Amino acid sequence: MNKIRVMSEKGFTLLEGIVAIAITSAGMLLLLSFLGLLLESQFRSAIVFEEAMEINSLSDGIRKELDGQRIADQDKIVRFLEMEYPDYKLVGIGIADAENYWIIEVEDQRKTENHFFINYYGS
């Protein structure tokens, strides 16, 4: 009788190995792309936070400079901005509906179209 040798499979074929490496590589690329988005989001968040802190500080400084005046004094605001925040300029002061309520518009000259408004209520 002929004895046929049956080979037992002890491992993977080359094709199976290549497919496994390709699938693992695709998964790693997907994870790395999410990491890139995460880092970009964190960077933008930090910038927005820093800008918000600067604007709040500027707003508090203007309120302190006016110190409860009944009128929003344009000259005081301009001097304050020139001394403390030279990159910002006063665009205008508007009167709101309520008595002693002013809306102060300030512009960041470092950026285009970056206006913000400060609500001021004089006592």
PDB file of N, CA and C in Angstrom:
ATOM      1  N   MET A   1       0.818  -1.167   0.000  1.00  0.00           N
ATOM      2  CA  MET A   1       0.000   0.000   0.000  1.00  0.00           C
ATOM      3  C   MET A   1       0.874   1.247   0.000  1.00  0.00           C
ATOM      4  N   ASN A   2       0.354   2.168  -0.740  1.00  0.00           N
ATOM      5  CA  ASN A   2       1.055   3.451  -0.755  1.00  0.00           C
ATOM      6  C   ASN A   2       0.624   4.270   0.455  1.00  0.00           C
ATOM      7  N   LYS A   3       1.619   4.728   1.121  1.00  0.00           N
ATOM      8  CA  LYS A   3       1.299   5.610   2.243  1.00  0.00           C
ATOM      9  C   LYS A   3       1.386   7.054   1.756  1.00  0.00           C
ATOM     10  N   ILE A   4       0.266   7.689   1.811  1.00  0.00           N
ATOM     11  CA  ILE A   4       0.246   9.096   1.411  1.00  0.00           C
ATOM     12  C   ILE A   4       0.440   9.926   2.682  1.00  0.00           C
ATOM     13  N   ARG A   5       1.389  10.727   2.531  1.00  0.00           N
ATOM     14  CA  ARG A   5       1.698  11.588   3.663  1.00  0.00           C
ATOM     15  C   ARG A   5       0.746  12.780   3.691  1.00  0.00           C
ATOM     16  N   VAL A   6       0.082  12.973   4.766  1.00  0.00           N
ATOM     17  CA  VAL A   6      -0.811  14.117   4.914  1.00  0.00           C
ATOM     18  C   VAL A   6      -0.072  15.182   5.704  1.00  0.00           C
ATOM     19  N   MET A   7       0.027  16.320   5.069  1.00  0.00           N
ATOM     20  CA  MET A   7       0.732  17.407   5.745  1.00  0.00           C
ATOM     21  C   MET A   7      -0.260  18.168   6.624  1.00  0.00           C
ATOM     22  N   SER A   8       0.090  18.321   7.816  1.00  0.00           N
ATOM     23  CA  SER A   8      -0.773  19.112   8.693  1.00  0.00           C
ATOM     24  C   SER A   8      -0.411  20.581   8.524  1.00  0.00           C
ATOM     25  N   GLU A   9      -1.424  21.416   8.615  1.00  0.00           N
ATOM     26  CA  GLU A   9      -1.176  22.852   8.448  1.00  0.00           C
ATOM     27  C   GLU A   9      -0.712  23.417   9.779  1.00  0.00           C
ATOM     28  N   LYS A  10       0.484  23.908   9.797  1.00  0.00           N
ATOM     29  CA  LYS A  10       1.065  24.482  11.009  1.00  0.00           C
ATOM     30  C   LYS A  10       1.498  25.908  10.729  1.00  0.00           C
ATOM     31  N   GLY A  11       0.588  26.801  10.540  1.00  0.00           N
ATOM     32  CA  GLY A  11       0.959  28.184  10.274  1.00  0.00           C
ATOM     33  C   GLY A  11       0.061  28.793   9.225  1.00  0.00           C
ATOM     34  N   PHE A  12       0.488  29.945   8.729  1.00  0.00           N
ATOM     35  CA  PHE A  12      -0.313  30.691   7.772  1.00  0.00           C
ATOM     36  C   PHE A  12       0.414  30.734   6.443  1.00  0.00           C
ATOM     37  N   THR A  13      -0.369  30.892   5.403  1.00  0.00           N
ATOM     38  CA  THR A  13       0.241  31.045   4.084  1.00  0.00           C
ATOM     39  C   THR A  13       0.707  32.484   3.939  1.00  0.00           C
ATOM     40  N   LEU A  14       1.487  32.706   2.952  1.00  0.00           N
ATOM     41  CA  LEU A  14       2.007  34.048   2.698  1.00  0.00           C
ATOM     42  C   LEU A  14       0.868  35.027   2.405  1.00  0.00           C
ATOM     43  N   LEU A  15      -0.119  34.581   1.650  1.00  0.00           N
ATOM     44  CA  LEU A  15      -1.244  35.430   1.308  1.00  0.00           C
ATOM     45  C   LEU A  15      -2.022  35.843   2.559  1.00  0.00           C
ATOM     46  N   GLU A  16      -2.231  34.927   3.475  1.00  0.00           N
ATOM     47  CA  GLU A  16      -2.935  35.259   4.716  1.00  0.00           C
ATOM     48  C   GLU A  16      -2.154  36.286   5.546  1.00  0.00           C
ATOM     49  N   GLY A  17      -0.879  36.145   5.565  1.00  0.00           N
ATOM     50  CA  GLY A  17      -0.037  37.109   6.289  1.00  0.00           C
ATOM     51  C   GLY A  17      -0.114  38.502   5.686  1.00  0.00           C
ATOM     52  N   ILE A  18      -0.080  38.585   4.375  1.00  0.00           N
ATOM     53  CA  ILE A  18      -0.155  39.884   3.692  1.00  0.00           C
ATOM     54  C   ILE A  18      -1.511  40.540   3.947  1.00  0.00           C
ATOM     55  N   VAL A  19      -2.584  39.756   3.890  1.00  0.00           N
ATOM     56  CA  VAL A  19      -3.924  40.296   4.143  1.00  0.00           C
ATOM     57  C   VAL A  19      -4.026  40.793   5.585  1.00  0.00           C
ATOM     58  N   ALA A  20      -3.481  40.058   6.528  1.00  0.00           N
ATOM     59  CA  ALA A  20      -3.519  40.484   7.934  1.00  0.00           C
ATOM     60  C   ALA A  20      -2.750  41.788   8.132  1.00  0.00           C
ATOM     61  N   ILE A  21      -1.595  41.904   7.496  1.00  0.00           N
ATOM     62  CA  ILE A  21      -0.801  43.130   7.599  1.00  0.00           C
ATOM     63  C   ILE A  21      -1.555  44.305   6.966  1.00  0.00           C
ATOM     64  N   ALA A  22      -2.215  44.090   5.841  1.00  0.00           N
ATOM     65  CA  ALA A  22      -2.969  45.158   5.172  1.00  0.00           C
ATOM     66  C   ALA A  22      -4.131  45.637   6.050  1.00  0.00           C
ATOM     67  N   ILE A  23      -4.843  44.697   6.655  1.00  0.00           N
ATOM     68  CA  ILE A  23      -5.965  45.080   7.513  1.00  0.00           C
ATOM     69  C   ILE A  23      -5.468  45.839   8.742  1.00  0.00           C
ATOM     70  N   THR A  24      -4.386  45.383   9.347  1.00  0.00           N
ATOM     71  CA  THR A  24      -3.811  46.060  10.506  1.00  0.00           C
ATOM     72  C   THR A  24      -3.330  47.462  10.122  1.00  0.00           C
ATOM     73  N   SER A  25      -2.712  47.588   8.973  1.00  0.00           N
ATOM     74  CA  SER A  25      -2.233  48.899   8.504  1.00  0.00           C
ATOM     75  C   SER A  25      -3.392  49.856   8.284  1.00  0.00           C
ATOM     76  N   ALA A  26      -4.482  49.368   7.697  1.00  0.00           N
ATOM     77  CA  ALA A  26      -5.649  50.222   7.472  1.00  0.00           C
ATOM     78  C   ALA A  26      -6.223  50.701   8.807  1.00  0.00           C
ATOM     79  N   GLY A  27      -6.285  49.835   9.791  1.00  0.00           N
ATOM     80  CA  GLY A  27      -6.767  50.215  11.115  1.00  0.00           C
ATOM     81  C   GLY A  27      -5.869  51.256  11.760  1.00  0.00           C
ATOM     82  N   MET A  28      -4.571  51.084  11.641  1.00  0.00           N
ATOM     83  CA  MET A  28      -3.629  52.054  12.212  1.00  0.00           C
ATOM     84  C   MET A  28      -3.756  53.420  11.532  1.00  0.00           C
ATOM     85  N   LEU A  29      -3.908  53.430  10.216  1.00  0.00           N
ATOM     86  CA  LEU A  29      -4.086  54.702   9.499  1.00  0.00           C
ATOM     87  C   LEU A  29      -5.363  55.410   9.950  1.00  0.00           C
ATOM     88  N   LEU A  30      -6.424  54.643  10.167  1.00  0.00           N
ATOM     89  CA  LEU A  30      -7.665  55.231  10.640  1.00  0.00           C
ATOM     90  C   LEU A  30      -7.483  55.848  12.024  1.00  0.00           C
ATOM     91  N   LEU A  31      -6.796  55.157  12.911  1.00  0.00           N
ATOM     92  CA  LEU A  31      -6.537  55.681  14.245  1.00  0.00           C
ATOM     93  C   LEU A  31      -5.656  56.931  14.199  1.00  0.00           C
ATOM     94  N   LEU A  32      -4.650  56.923  13.341  1.00  0.00           N
ATOM     95  CA  LEU A  32      -3.773  58.093  13.217  1.00  0.00           C
ATOM     96  C   LEU A  32      -4.518  59.305  12.654  1.00  0.00           C
ATOM     97  N   SER A  33      -5.461  59.082  11.738  1.00  0.00           N
ATOM     98  CA  SER A  33      -6.226  60.211  11.208  1.00  0.00           C
ATOM     99  C   SER A  33      -7.105  60.806  12.308  1.00  0.00           C
ATOM    100  N   PHE A  34      -7.673  59.972  13.171  1.00  0.00           N
ATOM    101  CA  PHE A  34      -8.449  60.494  14.298  1.00  0.00           C
ATOM    102  C   PHE A  34      -7.559  61.259  15.271  1.00  0.00           C
ATOM    103  N   LEU A  35      -6.343  60.801  15.464  1.00  0.00           N
ATOM    104  CA  LEU A  35      -5.412  61.505  16.334  1.00  0.00           C
ATOM    105  C   LEU A  35      -5.100  62.895  15.777  1.00  0.00           C
ATOM    106  N   GLY A  36      -4.923  62.991  14.464  1.00  0.00           N
ATOM    107  CA  GLY A  36      -4.678  64.285  13.826  1.00  0.00           C
ATOM    108  C   GLY A  36      -5.838  65.243  14.037  1.00  0.00           C
ATOM    109  N   LEU A  37      -7.063  64.743  13.876  1.00  0.00           N
ATOM    110  CA  LEU A  37      -8.244  65.583  14.108  1.00  0.00           C
ATOM    111  C   LEU A  37      -8.330  66.021  15.565  1.00  0.00           C
ATOM    112  N   LEU A  38      -7.994  65.125  16.467  1.00  0.00           N
ATOM    113  CA  LEU A  38      -8.024  65.445  17.889  1.00  0.00           C
ATOM    114  C   LEU A  38      -7.020  66.552  18.229  1.00  0.00           C
ATOM    115  N   LEU A  39      -5.808  66.442  17.703  1.00  0.00           N
ATOM    116  CA  LEU A  39      -4.788  67.456  17.983  1.00  0.00           C
ATOM    117  C   LEU A  39      -5.154  68.811  17.376  1.00  0.00           C
ATOM    118  N   GLU A  40      -5.716  68.797  16.170  1.00  0.00           N
ATOM    119  CA  GLU A  40      -6.138  70.048  15.535  1.00  0.00           C
ATOM    120  C   GLU A  40      -7.258  70.704  16.340  1.00  0.00           C
ATOM    121  N   SER A  41      -8.193  69.903  16.791  1.00  0.00           N
ATOM    122  CA  SER A  41      -9.294  70.418  17.608  1.00  0.00           C
ATOM    123  C   SER A  41      -8.780  71.013  18.915  1.00  0.00           C
ATOM    124  N   GLN A  42      -7.834  70.351  19.535  1.00  0.00           N
ATOM    125  CA  GLN A  42      -7.267  70.850  20.786  1.00  0.00           C
ATOM    126  C   GLN A  42      -6.548  72.177  20.554  1.00  0.00           C
ATOM    127  N   PHE A  43      -5.815  72.280  19.457  1.00  0.00           N
ATOM    128  CA  PHE A  43      -5.090  73.509  19.128  1.00  0.00           C
ATOM    129  C   PHE A  43      -6.058  74.677  18.920  1.00  0.00           C
ATOM    130  N   ARG A  44      -7.123  74.429  18.146  1.00  0.00           N
ATOM    131  CA  ARG A  44      -8.103  75.485  17.895  1.00  0.00           C
ATOM    132  C   ARG A  44      -8.818  75.889  19.172  1.00  0.00           C
ATOM    133  N   SER A  45      -9.090  74.920  20.007  1.00  0.00           N
ATOM    134  CA  SER A  45      -9.743  75.192  21.291  1.00  0.00           C
ATOM    135  C   SER A  45      -8.878  76.110  22.149  1.00  0.00           C
ATOM    136  N   ALA A  46      -7.590  75.853  22.176  1.00  0.00           N
ATOM    137  CA  ALA A  46      -6.670  76.676  22.966  1.00  0.00           C
ATOM    138  C   ALA A  46      -6.658  78.112  22.441  1.00  0.00           C
ATOM    139  N   ILE A  47      -6.678  78.287  21.133  1.00  0.00           N
ATOM    140  CA  ILE A  47      -6.674  79.629  20.543  1.00  0.00           C
ATOM    141  C   ILE A  47      -7.963  80.374  20.908  1.00  0.00           C
ATOM    142  N   VAL A  48      -9.093  79.701  20.775  1.00  0.00           N
ATOM    143  CA  VAL A  48     -10.374  80.330  21.100  1.00  0.00           C
ATOM    144  C   VAL A  48     -10.414  80.714  22.578  1.00  0.00           C
ATOM    145  N   PHE A  49      -9.901  79.847  23.446  1.00  0.00           N
ATOM    146  CA  PHE A  49      -9.889  80.131  24.877  1.00  0.00           C
ATOM    147  C   PHE A  49      -9.025  81.357  25.183  1.00  0.00           C
ATOM    148  N   GLU A  50      -7.847  81.426  24.578  1.00  0.00           N
ATOM    149  CA  GLU A  50      -6.959  82.568  24.807  1.00  0.00           C
ATOM    150  C   GLU A  50      -7.598  83.869  24.318  1.00  0.00           C
ATOM    151  N   GLU A  51      -8.258  83.835  23.150  1.00  0.00           N
ATOM    152  CA  GLU A  51      -8.925  85.032  22.642  1.00  0.00           C
ATOM    153  C   GLU A  51     -10.061  85.449  23.561  1.00  0.00           C
ATOM    154  N   ALA A  52     -10.819  84.487  24.055  1.00  0.00           N
ATOM    155  CA  ALA A  52     -11.926  84.809  24.962  1.00  0.00           C
ATOM    156  C   ALA A  52     -11.407  85.430  26.251  1.00  0.00           C
ATOM    157  N   MET A  53     -10.315  84.910  26.768  1.00  0.00           N
ATOM    158  CA  MET A  53      -9.736  85.477  27.984  1.00  0.00           C
ATOM    159  C   MET A  53      -9.262  86.911  27.747  1.00  0.00           C
ATOM    160  N   GLU A  54      -8.651  87.168  26.597  1.00  0.00           N
ATOM    161  CA  GLU A  54      -8.173  88.518  26.279  1.00  0.00           C
ATOM    162  C   GLU A  54      -9.345  89.492  26.131  1.00  0.00           C
ATOM    163  N   ILE A  55     -10.400  89.053  25.460  1.00  0.00           N
ATOM    164  CA  ILE A  55     -11.567  89.916  25.275  1.00  0.00           C
ATOM    165  C   ILE A  55     -12.242  90.198  26.609  1.00  0.00           C
ATOM    166  N   ASN A  56     -12.353  89.180  27.461  1.00  0.00           N
ATOM    167  CA  ASN A  56     -12.947  89.403  28.785  1.00  0.00           C
ATOM    168  C   ASN A  56     -12.109  90.364  29.618  1.00  0.00           C
ATOM    169  N   SER A  57     -10.792  90.226  29.527  1.00  0.00           N
ATOM    170  CA  SER A  57      -9.905  91.130  30.255  1.00  0.00           C
ATOM    171  C   SER A  57     -10.061  92.563  29.746  1.00  0.00           C
ATOM    172  N   LEU A  58     -10.122  92.715  28.434  1.00  0.00           N
ATOM    173  CA  LEU A  58     -10.315  94.042  27.838  1.00  0.00           C
ATOM    174  C   LEU A  58     -11.657  94.634  28.274  1.00  0.00           C
ATOM    175  N   SER A  59     -12.692  93.825  28.237  1.00  0.00           N
ATOM    176  CA  SER A  59     -14.023  94.283  28.642  1.00  0.00           C
ATOM    177  C   SER A  59     -14.037  94.712  30.105  1.00  0.00           C
ATOM    178  N   ASP A  60     -13.422  93.920  30.963  1.00  0.00           N
ATOM    179  CA  ASP A  60     -13.351  94.291  32.384  1.00  0.00           C
ATOM    180  C   ASP A  60     -12.562  95.583  32.577  1.00  0.00           C
ATOM    181  N   GLY A  61     -11.481  95.748  31.806  1.00  0.00           N
ATOM    182  CA  GLY A  61     -10.674  96.968  31.907  1.00  0.00           C
ATOM    183  C   GLY A  61     -11.457  98.206  31.500  1.00  0.00           C
ATOM    184  N   ILE A  62     -12.259  98.093  30.443  1.00  0.00           N
ATOM    185  CA  ILE A  62     -13.067  99.236  30.008  1.00  0.00           C
ATOM    186  C   ILE A  62     -14.109  99.572  31.068  1.00  0.00           C
ATOM    187  N   ARG A  63     -14.745  98.540  31.608  1.00  0.00           N
ATOM    188  CA  ARG A  63     -15.745  98.785  32.661  1.00  0.00           C
ATOM    189  C   ARG A  63     -15.104  99.448  33.881  1.00  0.00           C
ATOM    190  N   LYS A  64     -13.918  98.993  34.240  1.00  0.00           N
ATOM    191  CA  LYS A  64     -13.218  99.575  35.387  1.00  0.00           C
ATOM    192  C   LYS A  64     -12.809 101.019  35.082  1.00  0.00           C
ATOM    193  N   GLU A  65     -12.373 101.262  33.849  1.00  0.00           N
ATOM    194  CA  GLU A  65     -11.952 102.606  33.450  1.00  0.00           C
ATOM    195  C   GLU A  65     -13.130 103.583  33.507  1.00  0.00           C
ATOM    196  N   LEU A  66     -14.300 103.120  33.108  1.00  0.00           N
ATOM    197  CA  LEU A  66     -15.480 103.991  33.136  1.00  0.00           C
ATOM    198  C   LEU A  66     -16.035 104.127  34.549  1.00  0.00           C
ATOM    199  N   ASP A  67     -15.794 103.143  35.372  1.00  0.00           N
ATOM    200  CA  ASP A  67     -16.109 103.182  36.803  1.00  0.00           C
ATOM    201  C   ASP A  67     -17.511 103.714  37.116  1.00  0.00           C
ATOM    202  N   GLY A  68     -18.505 103.119  36.483  1.00  0.00           N
ATOM    203  CA  GLY A  68     -19.883 103.452  36.812  1.00  0.00           C
ATOM    204  C   GLY A  68     -20.386 104.790  36.299  1.00  0.00           C
ATOM    205  N   GLN A  69     -19.680 105.398  35.372  1.00  0.00           N
ATOM    206  CA  GLN A  69     -20.130 106.675  34.820  1.00  0.00           C
ATOM    207  C   GLN A  69     -21.472 106.484  34.120  1.00  0.00           C
ATOM    208  N   ARG A  70     -22.256 107.522  34.111  1.00  0.00           N
ATOM    209  CA  ARG A  70     -23.556 107.449  33.453  1.00  0.00           C
ATOM    210  C   ARG A  70     -23.410 107.494  31.938  1.00  0.00           C
ATOM    211  N   ILE A  71     -22.292 108.013  31.469  1.00  0.00           N
ATOM    212  CA  ILE A  71     -22.056 108.131  30.029  1.00  0.00           C
ATOM    213  C   ILE A  71     -20.805 107.334  29.689  1.00  0.00           C
ATOM    214  N   ALA A  72     -20.839 106.632  28.577  1.00  0.00           N
ATOM    215  CA  ALA A  72     -19.658 105.911  28.113  1.00  0.00           C
ATOM    216  C   ALA A  72     -18.726 106.928  27.467  1.00  0.00           C
ATOM    217  N   ASP A  73     -17.663 107.309  28.147  1.00  0.00           N
ATOM    218  CA  ASP A  73     -16.728 108.353  27.709  1.00  0.00           C
ATOM    219  C   ASP A  73     -15.793 107.784  26.645  1.00  0.00           C
ATOM    220  N   GLN A  74     -15.969 108.265  25.425  1.00  0.00           N
ATOM    221  CA  GLN A  74     -15.201 107.764  24.302  1.00  0.00           C
ATOM    222  C   GLN A  74     -13.708 108.034  24.465  1.00  0.00           C
ATOM    223  N   ASP A  75     -13.332 109.194  24.958  1.00  0.00           N
ATOM    224  CA  ASP A  75     -11.917 109.532  25.113  1.00  0.00           C
ATOM    225  C   ASP A  75     -11.229 108.596  26.111  1.00  0.00           C
ATOM    226  N   LYS A  76     -11.912 108.290  27.198  1.00  0.00           N
ATOM    227  CA  LYS A  76     -11.321 107.374  28.184  1.00  0.00           C
ATOM    228  C   LYS A  76     -11.109 105.986  27.593  1.00  0.00           C
ATOM    229  N   ILE A  77     -12.073 105.532  26.814  1.00  0.00           N
ATOM    230  CA  ILE A  77     -11.960 104.198  26.208  1.00  0.00           C
ATOM    231  C   ILE A  77     -10.810 104.171  25.212  1.00  0.00           C
ATOM    232  N   VAL A  78     -10.705 105.204  24.385  1.00  0.00           N
ATOM    233  CA  VAL A  78      -9.625 105.262  23.392  1.00  0.00           C
ATOM    234  C   VAL A  78      -8.265 105.286  24.085  1.00  0.00           C
ATOM    235  N   ARG A  79      -8.112 106.101  25.138  1.00  0.00           N
ATOM    236  CA  ARG A  79      -6.841 106.152  25.865  1.00  0.00           C
ATOM    237  C   ARG A  79      -6.511 104.799  26.496  1.00  0.00           C
ATOM    238  N   PHE A  80      -7.524 104.183  27.080  1.00  0.00           N
ATOM    239  CA  PHE A  80      -7.312 102.869  27.701  1.00  0.00           C
ATOM    240  C   PHE A  80      -6.844 101.847  26.666  1.00  0.00           C
ATOM    241  N   LEU A  81      -7.495 101.825  25.518  1.00  0.00           N
ATOM    242  CA  LEU A  81      -7.113 100.864  24.479  1.00  0.00           C
ATOM    243  C   LEU A  81      -5.700 101.144  23.957  1.00  0.00           C
ATOM    244  N   GLU A  82      -5.364 102.414  23.779  1.00  0.00           N
ATOM    245  CA  GLU A  82      -4.022 102.761  23.285  1.00  0.00           C
ATOM    246  C   GLU A  82      -2.939 102.337  24.266  1.00  0.00           C
ATOM    247  N   MET A  83      -3.219 102.473  25.557  1.00  0.00           N
ATOM    248  CA  MET A  83      -2.210 102.142  26.569  1.00  0.00           C
ATOM    249  C   MET A  83      -2.136 100.640  26.851  1.00  0.00           C
ATOM    250  N   GLU A  84      -3.274 100.011  27.019  1.00  0.00           N
ATOM    251  CA  GLU A  84      -3.294  98.616  27.463  1.00  0.00           C
ATOM    252  C   GLU A  84      -3.409  97.602  26.325  1.00  0.00           C
ATOM    253  N   TYR A  85      -4.144  97.938  25.287  1.00  0.00           N
ATOM    254  CA  TYR A  85      -4.406  97.014  24.182  1.00  0.00           C
ATOM    255  C   TYR A  85      -4.221  97.733  22.850  1.00  0.00           C
ATOM    256  N   PRO A  86      -2.977  97.957  22.444  1.00  0.00           N
ATOM    257  CA  PRO A  86      -2.741  98.745  21.228  1.00  0.00           C
ATOM    258  C   PRO A  86      -3.230  98.074  19.937  1.00  0.00           C
ATOM    259  N   ASP A  87      -3.491  96.772  19.967  1.00  0.00           N
ATOM    260  CA  ASP A  87      -3.977  96.084  18.767  1.00  0.00           C
ATOM    261  C   ASP A  87      -5.479  96.228  18.568  1.00  0.00           C
ATOM    262  N   TYR A  88      -6.136  96.855  19.522  1.00  0.00           N
ATOM    263  CA  TYR A  88      -7.588  97.030  19.440  1.00  0.00           C
ATOM    264  C   TYR A  88      -7.922  98.500  19.250  1.00  0.00           C
ATOM    265  N   LYS A  89      -9.026  98.758  18.562  1.00  0.00           N
ATOM    266  CA  LYS A  89      -9.458 100.149  18.416  1.00  0.00           C
ATOM    267  C   LYS A  89     -10.967 100.228  18.622  1.00  0.00           C
ATOM    268  N   LEU A  90     -11.394 101.365  19.094  1.00  0.00           N
ATOM    269  CA  LEU A  90     -12.811 101.621  19.318  1.00  0.00           C
ATOM    270  C   LEU A  90     -13.465 101.920  17.979  1.00  0.00           C
ATOM    271  N   VAL A  91     -14.515 101.184  17.667  1.00  0.00           N
ATOM    272  CA  VAL A  91     -15.240 101.409  16.418  1.00  0.00           C
ATOM    273  C   VAL A  91     -16.394 102.374  16.649  1.00  0.00           C
ATOM    274  N   GLY A  92     -17.090 102.193  17.744  1.00  0.00           N
ATOM    275  CA  GLY A  92     -18.206 103.089  18.017  1.00  0.00           C
ATOM    276  C   GLY A  92     -18.876 102.776  19.338  1.00  0.00           C
ATOM    277  N   ILE A  93     -19.688 103.715  19.770  1.00  0.00           N
ATOM    278  CA  ILE A  93     -20.474 103.551  20.987  1.00  0.00           C
ATOM    279  C   ILE A  93     -21.924 103.787  20.599  1.00  0.00           C
ATOM    280  N   GLY A  94     -22.756 102.792  20.873  1.00  0.00           N
ATOM    281  CA  GLY A  94     -24.178 102.917  20.552  1.00  0.00           C
ATOM    282  C   GLY A  94     -25.011 102.998  21.815  1.00  0.00           C
ATOM    283  N   ILE A  95     -26.141 103.643  21.694  1.00  0.00           N
ATOM    284  CA  ILE A  95     -27.051 103.758  22.828  1.00  0.00           C
ATOM    285  C   ILE A  95     -28.114 102.679  22.681  1.00  0.00           C
ATOM    286  N   ALA A  96     -28.310 101.924  23.727  1.00  0.00           N
ATOM    287  CA  ALA A  96     -29.352 100.899  23.714  1.00  0.00           C
ATOM    288  C   ALA A  96     -30.668 101.519  24.167  1.00  0.00           C
ATOM    289  N   ASP A  97     -31.707 100.726  24.182  1.00  0.00           N
ATOM    290  CA  ASP A  97     -33.040 101.227  24.541  1.00  0.00           C
ATOM    291  C   ASP A  97     -33.136 101.678  25.995  1.00  0.00           C
ATOM    292  N   ALA A  98     -32.504 100.942  26.870  1.00  0.00           N
ATOM    293  CA  ALA A  98     -32.616 101.265  28.299  1.00  0.00           C
ATOM    294  C   ALA A  98     -31.777 102.500  28.642  1.00  0.00           C
ATOM    295  N   GLU A  99     -32.155 103.174  29.698  1.00  0.00           N
ATOM    296  CA  GLU A  99     -31.417 104.348  30.146  1.00  0.00           C
ATOM    297  C   GLU A  99     -30.070 103.919  30.718  1.00  0.00           C
ATOM    298  N   ASN A 100     -29.018 104.654  30.414  1.00  0.00           N
ATOM    299  CA  ASN A 100     -27.649 104.389  30.877  1.00  0.00           C
ATOM    300  C   ASN A 100     -27.106 103.041  30.399  1.00  0.00           C
ATOM    301  N   TYR A 101     -27.588 102.559  29.286  1.00  0.00           N
ATOM    302  CA  TYR A 101     -27.120 101.274  28.745  1.00  0.00           C
ATOM    303  C   TYR A 101     -26.453 101.544  27.410  1.00  0.00           C
ATOM    304  N   TRP A 102     -25.177 101.166  27.298  1.00  0.00           N
ATOM    305  CA  TRP A 102     -24.385 101.480  26.115  1.00  0.00           C
ATOM    306  C   TRP A 102     -23.829 100.196  25.521  1.00  0.00           C
ATOM    307  N   ILE A 103     -23.666 100.196  24.221  1.00  0.00           N
ATOM    308  CA  ILE A 103     -23.030  99.080  23.526  1.00  0.00           C
ATOM    309  C   ILE A 103     -21.752  99.624  22.895  1.00  0.00           C
ATOM    310  N   ILE A 104     -20.629  99.115  23.331  1.00  0.00           N
ATOM    311  CA  ILE A 104     -19.324  99.589  22.871  1.00  0.00           C
ATOM    312  C   ILE A 104     -18.781  98.565  21.875  1.00  0.00           C
ATOM    313  N   GLU A 105     -18.481  99.018  20.659  1.00  0.00           N
ATOM    314  CA  GLU A 105     -17.962  98.122  19.627  1.00  0.00           C
ATOM    315  C   GLU A 105     -16.454  98.308  19.506  1.00  0.00           C
ATOM    316  N   VAL A 106     -15.731  97.210  19.599  1.00  0.00           N
ATOM    317  CA  VAL A 106     -14.274  97.224  19.556  1.00  0.00           C
ATOM    318  C   VAL A 106     -13.824  96.273  18.442  1.00  0.00           C
ATOM    319  N   GLU A 107     -12.724  96.623  17.787  1.00  0.00           N
ATOM    320  CA  GLU A 107     -12.205  95.819  16.686  1.00  0.00           C
ATOM    321  C   GLU A 107     -10.770  95.407  16.974  1.00  0.00           C
ATOM    322  N   ASP A 108     -10.466  94.139  16.690  1.00  0.00           N
ATOM    323  CA  ASP A 108      -9.097  93.639  16.779  1.00  0.00           C
ATOM    324  C   ASP A 108      -8.436  93.893  15.428  1.00  0.00           C
ATOM    325  N   GLN A 109      -7.428  94.756  15.397  1.00  0.00           N
ATOM    326  CA  GLN A 109      -6.804  95.141  14.131  1.00  0.00           C
ATOM    327  C   GLN A 109      -5.882  94.062  13.566  1.00  0.00           C
ATOM    328  N   ARG A 110      -5.558  93.058  14.367  1.00  0.00           N
ATOM    329  CA  ARG A 110      -4.689  91.983  13.879  1.00  0.00           C
ATOM    330  C   ARG A 110      -5.445  91.022  12.977  1.00  0.00           C
ATOM    331  N   LYS A 111      -6.758  90.991  13.104  1.00  0.00           N
ATOM    332  CA  LYS A 111      -7.564  90.039  12.339  1.00  0.00           C
ATOM    333  C   LYS A 111      -8.604  90.804  11.533  1.00  0.00           C
ATOM    334  N   THR A 112      -8.984  90.231  10.414  1.00  0.00           N
ATOM    335  CA  THR A 112     -10.024  90.865   9.611  1.00  0.00           C
ATOM    336  C   THR A 112     -11.396  90.451  10.126  1.00  0.00           C
ATOM    337  N   GLU A 113     -12.288  91.395  10.129  1.00  0.00           N
ATOM    338  CA  GLU A 113     -13.675  91.159  10.523  1.00  0.00           C
ATOM    339  C   GLU A 113     -13.795  90.555  11.914  1.00  0.00           C
ATOM    340  N   ASN A 114     -13.042  91.068  12.853  1.00  0.00           N
ATOM    341  CA  ASN A 114     -13.121  90.566  14.216  1.00  0.00           C
ATOM    342  C   ASN A 114     -13.599  91.681  15.138  1.00  0.00           C
ATOM    343  N   HIS A 115     -14.884  91.945  15.079  1.00  0.00           N
ATOM    344  CA  HIS A 115     -15.502  92.948  15.936  1.00  0.00           C
ATOM    345  C   HIS A 115     -16.174  92.235  17.099  1.00  0.00           C
ATOM    346  N   PHE A 116     -16.213  92.865  18.221  1.00  0.00           N
ATOM    347  CA  PHE A 116     -17.013  92.344  19.320  1.00  0.00           C
ATOM    348  C   PHE A 116     -17.623  93.517  20.070  1.00  0.00           C
ATOM    349  N   PHE A 117     -18.644  93.208  20.835  1.00  0.00           N
ATOM    350  CA  PHE A 117     -19.420  94.240  21.500  1.00  0.00           C
ATOM    351  C   PHE A 117     -19.363  94.048  23.006  1.00  0.00           C
ATOM    352  N   ILE A 118     -19.284  95.164  23.713  1.00  0.00           N
ATOM    353  CA  ILE A 118     -19.270  95.153  25.180  1.00  0.00           C
ATOM    354  C   ILE A 118     -20.515  95.895  25.631  1.00  0.00           C
ATOM    355  N   ASN A 119     -21.311  95.243  26.425  1.00  0.00           N
ATOM    356  CA  ASN A 119     -22.486  95.899  26.989  1.00  0.00           C
ATOM    357  C   ASN A 119     -22.066  96.605  28.261  1.00  0.00           C
ATOM    358  N   TYR A 120     -22.380  97.898  28.341  1.00  0.00           N
ATOM    359  CA  TYR A 120     -21.993  98.683  29.517  1.00  0.00           C
ATOM    360  C   TYR A 120     -23.239  99.354  30.078  1.00  0.00           C
ATOM    361  N   TYR A 121     -23.432  99.160  31.350  1.00  0.00           N
ATOM    362  CA  TYR A 121     -24.557  99.817  32.021  1.00  0.00           C
ATOM    363  C   TYR A 121     -23.992 100.765  33.068  1.00  0.00           C
ATOM    364  N   GLY A 122     -24.147 102.044  32.818  1.00  0.00           N
ATOM    365  CA  GLY A 122     -23.671 103.053  33.761  1.00  0.00           C
ATOM    366  C   GLY A 122     -24.655 103.234  34.893  1.00  0.00           C
ATOM    367  N   SER A 123     -24.158 103.377  36.097  1.00  0.00           N
ATOM    368  CA  SER A 123     -25.057 103.512  37.241  1.00  0.00           C
ATOM    369  C   SER A 123     -25.460 104.955  37.478  1.00  0.00           C
TER     370      SER A 123
END
